[in-house]
Amino acid sequence: MKELSVGERFELVKRNTEEIVKEDELRNLLIKKKNPVVYWGTEVTGKPSLAYFFPLLKLKDFIKAGFKVKLLLADLHGALDGTPWNVLEHRYDYYKESITQILKAIGTDLRKIEFVKGSEFQLKPEYNYDVLRMASINTIKECRKAGAEVVKFGDNPKLGGLIYPIMQALDEQ
């Protein structure tokens, strides 16, 4: 298989995207790194839907463009958003297998994918220290606003829904 040029790699990453904030930074990254890393995460709540095909197709483009993919299966985020604690392990396994099968079905090179289980790093003391540090500088209003698109808030939201956006911000590190 012929190696893609920086321009071809750039076009693969750009294809079907709404926005690239700084295209020059992306081009420089592709010039400097043969195998940069891209991250995508999802919480393990209900069943993966047909909509999962869209980000997974995009991840296939990233892989073709030479990226390594870190795919976060956020089990603790799922718990903070209402998944019962006693099913988290099963839900993680279910999501990993479902996503793997979708990736296979669309012809993705699975050797370039690393599944990351959220709780494996989120339960470490350093991570928890960072969560508490961020909790001390963010307001309830800020956390509620940041979590509004991903957390099921009701009239009397659970505290976990306010911690969720803090964890989401830290996960990208």
N, C-alpha and C. Protein backbone atom coordinates (compact mmCIF):
# COMPACT_ATOMS: atom_id res chain seq x y z
N MET A 1 0.83 -1.17 0.00
CA MET A 1 0.00 0.00 0.00
C MET A 1 0.89 1.25 0.00
N LYS A 2 0.60 2.18 -0.89
CA LYS A 2 1.41 3.39 -1.02
C LYS A 2 1.17 4.33 0.16
N GLU A 3 2.26 4.95 0.59
CA GLU A 3 2.16 5.90 1.70
C GLU A 3 1.51 7.19 1.20
N LEU A 4 0.60 7.72 2.00
CA LEU A 4 -0.12 8.93 1.62
C LEU A 4 0.74 10.17 1.88
N SER A 5 0.58 11.16 1.03
CA SER A 5 1.26 12.44 1.23
C SER A 5 0.59 13.19 2.36
N VAL A 6 1.25 14.23 2.84
CA VAL A 6 0.67 15.07 3.90
C VAL A 6 -0.65 15.66 3.41
N GLY A 7 -0.69 16.09 2.16
CA GLY A 7 -1.92 16.66 1.60
C GLY A 7 -3.06 15.65 1.57
N GLU A 8 -2.76 14.41 1.19
CA GLU A 8 -3.78 13.36 1.16
C GLU A 8 -4.25 13.02 2.58
N ARG A 9 -3.31 12.97 3.50
CA ARG A 9 -3.68 12.71 4.90
C ARG A 9 -4.56 13.83 5.43
N PHE A 10 -4.20 15.07 5.12
CA PHE A 10 -4.97 16.24 5.56
C PHE A 10 -6.40 16.16 5.01
N GLU A 11 -6.54 15.83 3.74
CA GLU A 11 -7.87 15.76 3.12
C GLU A 11 -8.72 14.65 3.75
N LEU A 12 -8.10 13.53 4.11
CA LEU A 12 -8.85 12.47 4.80
C LEU A 12 -9.38 12.94 6.14
N VAL A 13 -8.55 13.64 6.89
CA VAL A 13 -8.97 14.14 8.20
C VAL A 13 -10.05 15.20 8.03
N LYS A 14 -9.91 16.03 7.02
CA LYS A 14 -10.85 17.14 6.78
C LYS A 14 -12.20 16.67 6.24
N ARG A 15 -12.21 15.55 5.54
CA ARG A 15 -13.41 15.05 4.88
C ARG A 15 -14.56 14.87 5.88
N ASN A 16 -15.71 15.39 5.51
CA ASN A 16 -16.95 15.25 6.30
C ASN A 16 -16.83 15.81 7.72
N THR A 17 -16.02 16.85 7.89
CA THR A 17 -15.95 17.51 9.19
C THR A 17 -16.63 18.86 9.11
N GLU A 18 -17.20 19.26 10.18
CA GLU A 18 -17.89 20.55 10.25
C GLU A 18 -16.88 21.69 10.32
N GLU A 19 -15.83 21.48 11.12
CA GLU A 19 -14.87 22.58 11.34
C GLU A 19 -13.54 22.02 11.81
N ILE A 20 -12.49 22.64 11.34
CA ILE A 20 -11.14 22.41 11.87
C ILE A 20 -10.69 23.76 12.37
N VAL A 21 -10.45 23.88 13.67
CA VAL A 21 -10.19 25.18 14.27
C VAL A 21 -8.96 25.84 13.67
N LYS A 22 -7.86 25.12 13.59
CA LYS A 22 -6.64 25.70 13.02
C LYS A 22 -6.04 24.71 12.03
N GLU A 23 -6.37 24.90 10.77
CA GLU A 23 -5.90 23.99 9.73
C GLU A 23 -4.38 23.95 9.64
N ASP A 24 -3.73 25.09 9.88
CA ASP A 24 -2.27 25.11 9.80
C ASP A 24 -1.65 24.24 10.90
N GLU A 25 -2.25 24.20 12.08
CA GLU A 25 -1.75 23.33 13.15
C GLU A 25 -1.89 21.86 12.76
N LEU A 26 -3.02 21.53 12.13
CA LEU A 26 -3.22 20.15 11.68
C LEU A 26 -2.18 19.77 10.64
N ARG A 27 -1.95 20.65 9.68
CA ARG A 27 -0.93 20.36 8.64
C ARG A 27 0.45 20.17 9.28
N ASN A 28 0.80 21.05 10.22
CA ASN A 28 2.10 20.93 10.90
C ASN A 28 2.21 19.62 11.68
N LEU A 29 1.13 19.22 12.31
CA LEU A 29 1.11 17.96 13.05
C LEU A 29 1.36 16.79 12.09
N LEU A 30 0.71 16.83 10.93
CA LEU A 30 0.87 15.76 9.95
C LEU A 30 2.28 15.73 9.36
N ILE A 31 2.91 16.90 9.29
CA ILE A 31 4.29 16.98 8.80
C ILE A 31 5.25 16.41 9.85
N LYS A 32 5.03 16.79 11.11
CA LYS A 32 5.96 16.42 12.18
C LYS A 32 5.79 14.98 12.68
N LYS A 33 4.55 14.49 12.69
CA LYS A 33 4.29 13.17 13.26
C LYS A 33 3.69 12.23 12.23
N LYS A 34 4.32 11.11 12.08
CA LYS A 34 3.79 10.10 11.15
C LYS A 34 2.55 9.43 11.73
N ASN A 35 2.53 9.24 13.05
CA ASN A 35 1.40 8.58 13.71
C ASN A 35 0.91 9.36 14.92
N PRO A 36 0.27 10.52 14.69
CA PRO A 36 -0.28 11.25 15.84
C PRO A 36 -1.44 10.45 16.46
N VAL A 37 -1.89 10.89 17.60
CA VAL A 37 -2.95 10.20 18.32
C VAL A 37 -4.22 11.05 18.30
N VAL A 38 -5.34 10.39 18.06
CA VAL A 38 -6.64 11.04 18.15
C VAL A 38 -7.44 10.29 19.21
N TYR A 39 -8.28 11.03 19.92
CA TYR A 39 -9.05 10.46 21.02
C TYR A 39 -10.53 10.64 20.73
N TRP A 40 -11.32 9.62 21.00
CA TRP A 40 -12.78 9.71 20.95
C TRP A 40 -13.31 8.94 22.13
N GLY A 41 -14.29 9.50 22.82
CA GLY A 41 -14.83 8.82 23.98
C GLY A 41 -16.34 8.75 23.94
N THR A 42 -16.85 7.72 24.59
CA THR A 42 -18.28 7.57 24.75
C THR A 42 -18.55 6.92 26.10
N GLU A 43 -19.65 7.31 26.70
CA GLU A 43 -20.01 6.70 27.98
C GLU A 43 -20.81 5.43 27.71
N VAL A 44 -20.77 4.53 28.65
CA VAL A 44 -21.44 3.24 28.49
C VAL A 44 -22.79 3.28 29.18
N THR A 45 -23.77 3.82 28.49
CA THR A 45 -25.12 3.94 29.07
C THR A 45 -26.04 2.91 28.42
N GLY A 46 -26.84 3.32 27.45
CA GLY A 46 -27.78 2.41 26.79
C GLY A 46 -27.09 1.56 25.75
N LYS A 47 -27.79 1.34 24.64
CA LYS A 47 -27.22 0.55 23.55
C LYS A 47 -26.61 1.49 22.52
N PRO A 48 -25.43 1.14 21.97
CA PRO A 48 -24.90 1.94 20.87
C PRO A 48 -25.91 1.93 19.72
N SER A 49 -26.18 3.10 19.18
CA SER A 49 -27.18 3.21 18.12
C SER A 49 -26.52 3.26 16.75
N LEU A 50 -27.34 3.32 15.74
CA LEU A 50 -26.87 3.45 14.37
C LEU A 50 -26.02 4.71 14.22
N ALA A 51 -26.27 5.71 15.02
CA ALA A 51 -25.51 6.97 14.96
C ALA A 51 -24.03 6.75 15.24
N TYR A 52 -23.67 5.66 15.90
CA TYR A 52 -22.25 5.37 16.18
C TYR A 52 -21.44 5.19 14.89
N PHE A 53 -22.11 4.82 13.81
CA PHE A 53 -21.39 4.64 12.55
C PHE A 53 -20.69 5.93 12.12
N PHE A 54 -21.28 7.09 12.38
CA PHE A 54 -20.70 8.34 11.89
C PHE A 54 -19.35 8.66 12.52
N PRO A 55 -19.23 8.70 13.85
CA PRO A 55 -17.88 8.94 14.40
C PRO A 55 -16.91 7.81 14.10
N LEU A 56 -17.41 6.58 14.01
CA LEU A 56 -16.50 5.46 13.74
C LEU A 56 -16.01 5.50 12.29
N LEU A 57 -16.83 5.96 11.38
CA LEU A 57 -16.35 6.18 10.00
C LEU A 57 -15.28 7.25 9.97
N LYS A 58 -15.46 8.29 10.79
CA LYS A 58 -14.45 9.36 10.85
C LYS A 58 -13.16 8.82 11.45
N LEU A 59 -13.26 7.98 12.46
CA LEU A 59 -12.05 7.38 13.04
C LEU A 59 -11.33 6.52 12.00
N LYS A 60 -12.09 5.86 11.13
CA LYS A 60 -11.46 5.08 10.05
C LYS A 60 -10.64 6.01 9.15
N ASP A 61 -11.17 7.21 8.87
CA ASP A 61 -10.41 8.19 8.09
C ASP A 61 -9.12 8.57 8.79
N PHE A 62 -9.21 8.81 10.10
CA PHE A 62 -8.01 9.15 10.87
C PHE A 62 -6.97 8.03 10.77
N ILE A 63 -7.43 6.79 10.88
CA ILE A 63 -6.50 5.66 10.80
C ILE A 63 -5.85 5.60 9.43
N LYS A 64 -6.64 5.79 8.38
CA LYS A 64 -6.07 5.80 7.02
C LYS A 64 -5.05 6.93 6.87
N ALA A 65 -5.27 8.03 7.61
CA ALA A 65 -4.36 9.17 7.56
C ALA A 65 -3.15 8.99 8.46
N GLY A 66 -3.02 7.81 9.09
CA GLY A 66 -1.83 7.50 9.87
C GLY A 66 -1.97 7.69 11.37
N PHE A 67 -3.13 8.07 11.83
CA PHE A 67 -3.33 8.30 13.26
C PHE A 67 -3.49 6.99 14.01
N LYS A 68 -3.13 7.03 15.27
CA LYS A 68 -3.46 5.97 16.21
C LYS A 68 -4.70 6.48 16.95
N VAL A 69 -5.66 5.61 17.22
CA VAL A 69 -6.91 6.01 17.86
C VAL A 69 -6.96 5.48 19.28
N LYS A 70 -7.22 6.38 20.22
CA LYS A 70 -7.52 5.98 21.59
C LYS A 70 -9.01 6.14 21.77
N LEU A 71 -9.68 5.05 22.03
CA LEU A 71 -11.13 5.04 22.14
C LEU A 71 -11.50 4.81 23.61
N LEU A 72 -11.97 5.87 24.25
CA LEU A 72 -12.31 5.82 25.67
C LEU A 72 -13.73 5.30 25.83
N LEU A 73 -13.87 4.23 26.59
CA LEU A 73 -15.17 3.75 27.01
C LEU A 73 -15.32 4.17 28.48
N ALA A 74 -16.10 5.21 28.67
CA ALA A 74 -16.17 5.89 29.96
C ALA A 74 -17.21 5.24 30.86
N ASP A 75 -16.78 4.24 31.57
CA ASP A 75 -17.69 3.51 32.45
C ASP A 75 -18.16 4.35 33.62
N LEU A 76 -17.26 5.09 34.25
CA LEU A 76 -17.67 5.91 35.39
C LEU A 76 -18.57 7.06 34.95
N HIS A 77 -18.34 7.60 33.76
CA HIS A 77 -19.25 8.63 33.24
C HIS A 77 -20.66 8.05 33.09
N GLY A 78 -20.71 6.80 32.64
CA GLY A 78 -22.01 6.14 32.52
C GLY A 78 -22.72 6.06 33.86
N ALA A 79 -21.98 5.72 34.90
CA ALA A 79 -22.57 5.65 36.24
C ALA A 79 -23.06 7.02 36.69
N LEU A 80 -22.29 8.05 36.41
CA LEU A 80 -22.69 9.41 36.80
C LEU A 80 -23.91 9.88 36.01
N ASP A 81 -24.19 9.25 34.90
CA ASP A 81 -25.34 9.60 34.07
C ASP A 81 -26.47 8.58 34.18
N GLY A 82 -26.44 7.74 35.22
CA GLY A 82 -27.58 6.89 35.51
C GLY A 82 -27.44 5.40 35.25
N THR A 83 -26.34 4.93 34.68
CA THR A 83 -26.15 3.50 34.50
C THR A 83 -25.93 2.87 35.88
N PRO A 84 -26.68 1.83 36.21
CA PRO A 84 -26.49 1.21 37.54
C PRO A 84 -25.05 0.70 37.70
N TRP A 85 -24.50 0.93 38.87
CA TRP A 85 -23.11 0.54 39.16
C TRP A 85 -22.88 -0.95 38.97
N ASN A 86 -23.88 -1.76 39.29
CA ASN A 86 -23.69 -3.22 39.22
C ASN A 86 -23.65 -3.76 37.79
N VAL A 87 -23.93 -2.92 36.78
CA VAL A 87 -23.86 -3.40 35.40
C VAL A 87 -22.73 -2.75 34.61
N LEU A 88 -21.94 -1.89 35.25
CA LEU A 88 -20.89 -1.16 34.53
C LEU A 88 -19.91 -2.06 33.80
N GLU A 89 -19.45 -3.11 34.46
CA GLU A 89 -18.47 -4.01 33.84
C GLU A 89 -19.07 -4.69 32.60
N HIS A 90 -20.31 -5.15 32.73
CA HIS A 90 -20.98 -5.79 31.60
C HIS A 90 -21.22 -4.77 30.47
N ARG A 91 -21.59 -3.58 30.84
CA ARG A 91 -21.84 -2.54 29.84
C ARG A 91 -20.55 -2.18 29.11
N TYR A 92 -19.44 -2.12 29.83
CA TYR A 92 -18.15 -1.86 29.19
C TYR A 92 -17.84 -2.96 28.16
N ASP A 93 -17.98 -4.22 28.58
CA ASP A 93 -17.70 -5.35 27.67
C ASP A 93 -18.61 -5.30 26.45
N TYR A 94 -19.87 -4.99 26.67
CA TYR A 94 -20.86 -4.91 25.58
C TYR A 94 -20.47 -3.81 24.59
N TYR A 95 -20.10 -2.64 25.09
CA TYR A 95 -19.71 -1.53 24.21
C TYR A 95 -18.43 -1.86 23.44
N LYS A 96 -17.48 -2.44 24.12
CA LYS A 96 -16.22 -2.77 23.44
C LYS A 96 -16.48 -3.75 22.30
N GLU A 97 -17.27 -4.77 22.56
CA GLU A 97 -17.57 -5.75 21.51
C GLU A 97 -18.42 -5.14 20.40
N SER A 98 -19.42 -4.35 20.74
CA SER A 98 -20.29 -3.73 19.73
C SER A 98 -19.49 -2.80 18.82
N ILE A 99 -18.66 -1.96 19.42
CA ILE A 99 -17.87 -1.02 18.64
C ILE A 99 -16.84 -1.75 17.79
N THR A 100 -16.24 -2.80 18.34
CA THR A 100 -15.29 -3.60 17.57
C THR A 100 -15.98 -4.19 16.34
N GLN A 101 -17.17 -4.70 16.51
CA GLN A 101 -17.90 -5.30 15.38
C GLN A 101 -18.27 -4.26 14.33
N ILE A 102 -18.66 -3.06 14.77
CA ILE A 102 -18.95 -1.98 13.82
C ILE A 102 -17.69 -1.62 13.05
N LEU A 103 -16.57 -1.48 13.77
CA LEU A 103 -15.30 -1.14 13.11
C LEU A 103 -14.90 -2.21 12.10
N LYS A 104 -15.08 -3.47 12.45
CA LYS A 104 -14.79 -4.55 11.51
C LYS A 104 -15.69 -4.46 10.28
N ALA A 105 -16.97 -4.18 10.51
CA ALA A 105 -17.95 -4.13 9.42
C ALA A 105 -17.62 -3.03 8.40
N ILE A 106 -17.01 -1.95 8.87
CA ILE A 106 -16.69 -0.85 7.95
C ILE A 106 -15.24 -0.94 7.45
N GLY A 107 -14.56 -2.03 7.79
CA GLY A 107 -13.22 -2.29 7.26
C GLY A 107 -12.10 -1.49 7.91
N THR A 108 -12.21 -1.24 9.19
CA THR A 108 -11.20 -0.47 9.92
C THR A 108 -10.06 -1.38 10.37
N ASP A 109 -8.85 -0.86 10.30
CA ASP A 109 -7.67 -1.59 10.77
C ASP A 109 -7.66 -1.52 12.31
N LEU A 110 -8.06 -2.61 12.93
CA LEU A 110 -8.19 -2.64 14.39
C LEU A 110 -6.85 -2.57 15.12
N ARG A 111 -5.76 -2.82 14.41
CA ARG A 111 -4.44 -2.76 15.06
C ARG A 111 -4.08 -1.33 15.46
N LYS A 112 -4.77 -0.35 14.91
CA LYS A 112 -4.48 1.06 15.20
C LYS A 112 -5.41 1.63 16.27
N ILE A 113 -6.20 0.76 16.90
CA ILE A 113 -7.17 1.20 17.90
C ILE A 113 -6.77 0.68 19.27
N GLU A 114 -6.77 1.56 20.23
CA GLU A 114 -6.53 1.17 21.63
C GLU A 114 -7.77 1.54 22.43
N PHE A 115 -8.44 0.54 22.99
CA PHE A 115 -9.58 0.80 23.87
C PHE A 115 -9.04 1.17 25.25
N VAL A 116 -9.61 2.19 25.83
CA VAL A 116 -9.21 2.64 27.16
C VAL A 116 -10.46 2.60 28.04
N LYS A 117 -10.36 1.90 29.14
CA LYS A 117 -11.46 1.83 30.10
C LYS A 117 -11.28 2.98 31.08
N GLY A 118 -12.27 3.85 31.14
CA GLY A 118 -12.16 5.06 31.95
C GLY A 118 -11.72 4.81 33.38
N SER A 119 -12.35 3.86 34.05
CA SER A 119 -12.05 3.64 35.47
C SER A 119 -10.62 3.21 35.72
N GLU A 120 -9.93 2.70 34.69
CA GLU A 120 -8.55 2.26 34.88
C GLU A 120 -7.60 3.43 35.16
N PHE A 121 -7.95 4.63 34.70
CA PHE A 121 -7.12 5.78 35.05
C PHE A 121 -7.88 6.77 35.94
N GLN A 122 -9.20 6.73 35.89
CA GLN A 122 -9.98 7.69 36.66
C GLN A 122 -10.02 7.39 38.16
N LEU A 123 -9.64 6.20 38.54
CA LEU A 123 -9.62 5.86 39.97
C LEU A 123 -8.24 6.04 40.59
N LYS A 124 -7.30 6.52 39.82
CA LYS A 124 -5.96 6.76 40.34
C LYS A 124 -5.95 8.06 41.17
N PRO A 125 -5.13 8.09 42.21
CA PRO A 125 -5.09 9.28 43.09
C PRO A 125 -4.80 10.59 42.34
N GLU A 126 -3.90 10.56 41.36
CA GLU A 126 -3.55 11.79 40.65
C GLU A 126 -4.76 12.36 39.92
N TYR A 127 -5.53 11.49 39.30
CA TYR A 127 -6.72 11.93 38.57
C TYR A 127 -7.74 12.52 39.55
N ASN A 128 -7.95 11.83 40.66
CA ASN A 128 -8.91 12.32 41.65
C ASN A 128 -8.48 13.65 42.24
N TYR A 129 -7.19 13.83 42.42
CA TYR A 129 -6.67 15.12 42.89
C TYR A 129 -7.04 16.21 41.89
N ASP A 130 -6.85 15.92 40.60
CA ASP A 130 -7.18 16.91 39.56
C ASP A 130 -8.68 17.21 39.52
N VAL A 131 -9.52 16.18 39.72
CA VAL A 131 -10.97 16.39 39.76
C VAL A 131 -11.32 17.34 40.92
N LEU A 132 -10.76 17.08 42.07
CA LEU A 132 -11.05 17.92 43.23
C LEU A 132 -10.51 19.34 43.03
N ARG A 133 -9.34 19.45 42.45
CA ARG A 133 -8.77 20.77 42.17
C ARG A 133 -9.67 21.56 41.23
N MET A 134 -10.14 20.90 40.17
CA MET A 134 -11.04 21.59 39.23
C MET A 134 -12.38 21.91 39.88
N ALA A 135 -12.87 21.02 40.75
CA ALA A 135 -14.13 21.27 41.44
C ALA A 135 -14.04 22.51 42.33
N SER A 136 -12.83 22.79 42.80
CA SER A 136 -12.66 23.96 43.68
C SER A 136 -12.61 25.28 42.92
N ILE A 137 -12.46 25.22 41.60
CA ILE A 137 -12.39 26.47 40.84
C ILE A 137 -13.55 26.65 39.86
N ASN A 138 -14.45 25.66 39.76
CA ASN A 138 -15.61 25.77 38.88
C ASN A 138 -16.88 25.90 39.71
N THR A 139 -17.83 26.66 39.18
CA THR A 139 -19.09 26.87 39.89
C THR A 139 -20.12 25.81 39.47
N ILE A 140 -21.16 25.67 40.27
CA ILE A 140 -22.27 24.77 39.94
C ILE A 140 -22.89 25.20 38.61
N LYS A 141 -23.05 26.50 38.44
CA LYS A 141 -23.65 27.02 37.20
C LYS A 141 -22.80 26.63 35.98
N GLU A 142 -21.48 26.77 36.09
CA GLU A 142 -20.59 26.41 34.98
C GLU A 142 -20.66 24.91 34.67
N CYS A 143 -20.65 24.10 35.72
CA CYS A 143 -20.70 22.65 35.52
C CYS A 143 -22.05 22.22 34.94
N ARG A 144 -23.10 22.82 35.40
CA ARG A 144 -24.43 22.48 34.87
C ARG A 144 -24.52 22.86 33.39
N LYS A 145 -24.01 24.03 33.06
CA LYS A 145 -24.04 24.48 31.65
C LYS A 145 -23.18 23.55 30.79
N ALA A 146 -22.00 23.21 31.27
CA ALA A 146 -21.09 22.34 30.51
C ALA A 146 -21.66 20.93 30.35
N GLY A 147 -22.39 20.47 31.35
CA GLY A 147 -22.93 19.12 31.30
C GLY A 147 -24.29 19.01 30.65
N ALA A 148 -24.93 20.13 30.34
CA ALA A 148 -26.30 20.13 29.85
C ALA A 148 -26.51 19.31 28.58
N GLU A 149 -25.50 19.23 27.73
CA GLU A 149 -25.66 18.50 26.47
C GLU A 149 -25.44 17.00 26.61
N VAL A 150 -24.82 16.56 27.69
CA VAL A 150 -24.49 15.14 27.80
C VAL A 150 -25.09 14.44 29.01
N VAL A 151 -25.52 15.18 30.00
CA VAL A 151 -26.05 14.58 31.23
C VAL A 151 -27.56 14.78 31.28
N LYS A 152 -28.25 13.76 31.73
CA LYS A 152 -29.71 13.84 31.86
C LYS A 152 -30.05 14.55 33.18
N PHE A 153 -30.18 15.88 33.11
CA PHE A 153 -30.54 16.65 34.30
C PHE A 153 -32.06 16.67 34.45
N GLY A 154 -32.53 16.54 35.67
CA GLY A 154 -33.96 16.70 35.96
C GLY A 154 -34.14 17.94 36.82
N ASP A 155 -35.26 17.99 37.53
CA ASP A 155 -35.53 19.14 38.41
C ASP A 155 -34.55 19.20 39.58
N ASN A 156 -34.14 18.03 40.05
CA ASN A 156 -33.23 17.96 41.19
C ASN A 156 -32.05 17.08 40.77
N PRO A 157 -31.08 17.65 40.02
CA PRO A 157 -30.00 16.83 39.46
C PRO A 157 -29.11 16.20 40.52
N LYS A 158 -28.59 15.05 40.18
CA LYS A 158 -27.62 14.38 41.04
C LYS A 158 -26.28 15.10 40.96
N LEU A 159 -25.53 15.06 42.02
CA LEU A 159 -24.22 15.70 42.08
C LEU A 159 -23.28 15.14 41.01
N GLY A 160 -23.41 13.85 40.71
CA GLY A 160 -22.56 13.23 39.70
C GLY A 160 -22.64 13.92 38.35
N GLY A 161 -23.82 14.43 38.00
CA GLY A 161 -23.97 15.14 36.74
C GLY A 161 -23.18 16.43 36.68
N LEU A 162 -22.85 16.98 37.84
CA LEU A 162 -22.04 18.19 37.89
C LEU A 162 -20.54 17.87 37.89
N ILE A 163 -20.20 16.67 38.35
CA ILE A 163 -18.80 16.23 38.31
C ILE A 163 -18.43 15.76 36.90
N TYR A 164 -19.41 15.24 36.19
CA TYR A 164 -19.22 14.69 34.84
C TYR A 164 -18.43 15.63 33.92
N PRO A 165 -18.81 16.91 33.77
CA PRO A 165 -18.04 17.76 32.85
C PRO A 165 -16.60 18.01 33.29
N ILE A 166 -16.36 17.98 34.58
CA ILE A 166 -14.98 18.12 35.07
C ILE A 166 -14.16 16.91 34.63
N MET A 167 -14.74 15.73 34.82
CA MET A 167 -14.05 14.51 34.39
C MET A 167 -13.86 14.50 32.88
N GLN A 168 -14.87 14.95 32.15
CA GLN A 168 -14.76 14.99 30.70
C GLN A 168 -13.61 15.87 30.25
N ALA A 169 -13.44 17.00 30.91
CA ALA A 169 -12.33 17.89 30.56
C ALA A 169 -10.98 17.23 30.86
N LEU A 170 -10.90 16.50 31.94
CA LEU A 170 -9.63 15.85 32.32
C LEU A 170 -9.30 14.63 31.47
N ASP A 171 -10.32 13.94 30.97
CA ASP A 171 -10.09 12.71 30.21
C ASP A 171 -9.25 12.94 28.97
N GLU A 172 -9.33 14.08 28.38
CA GLU A 172 -8.59 14.35 27.15
C GLU A 172 -7.09 14.40 27.39
N GLN A 173 -6.67 14.62 28.62
CA GLN A 173 -5.25 14.60 28.92
C GLN A 173 -4.71 13.20 28.77
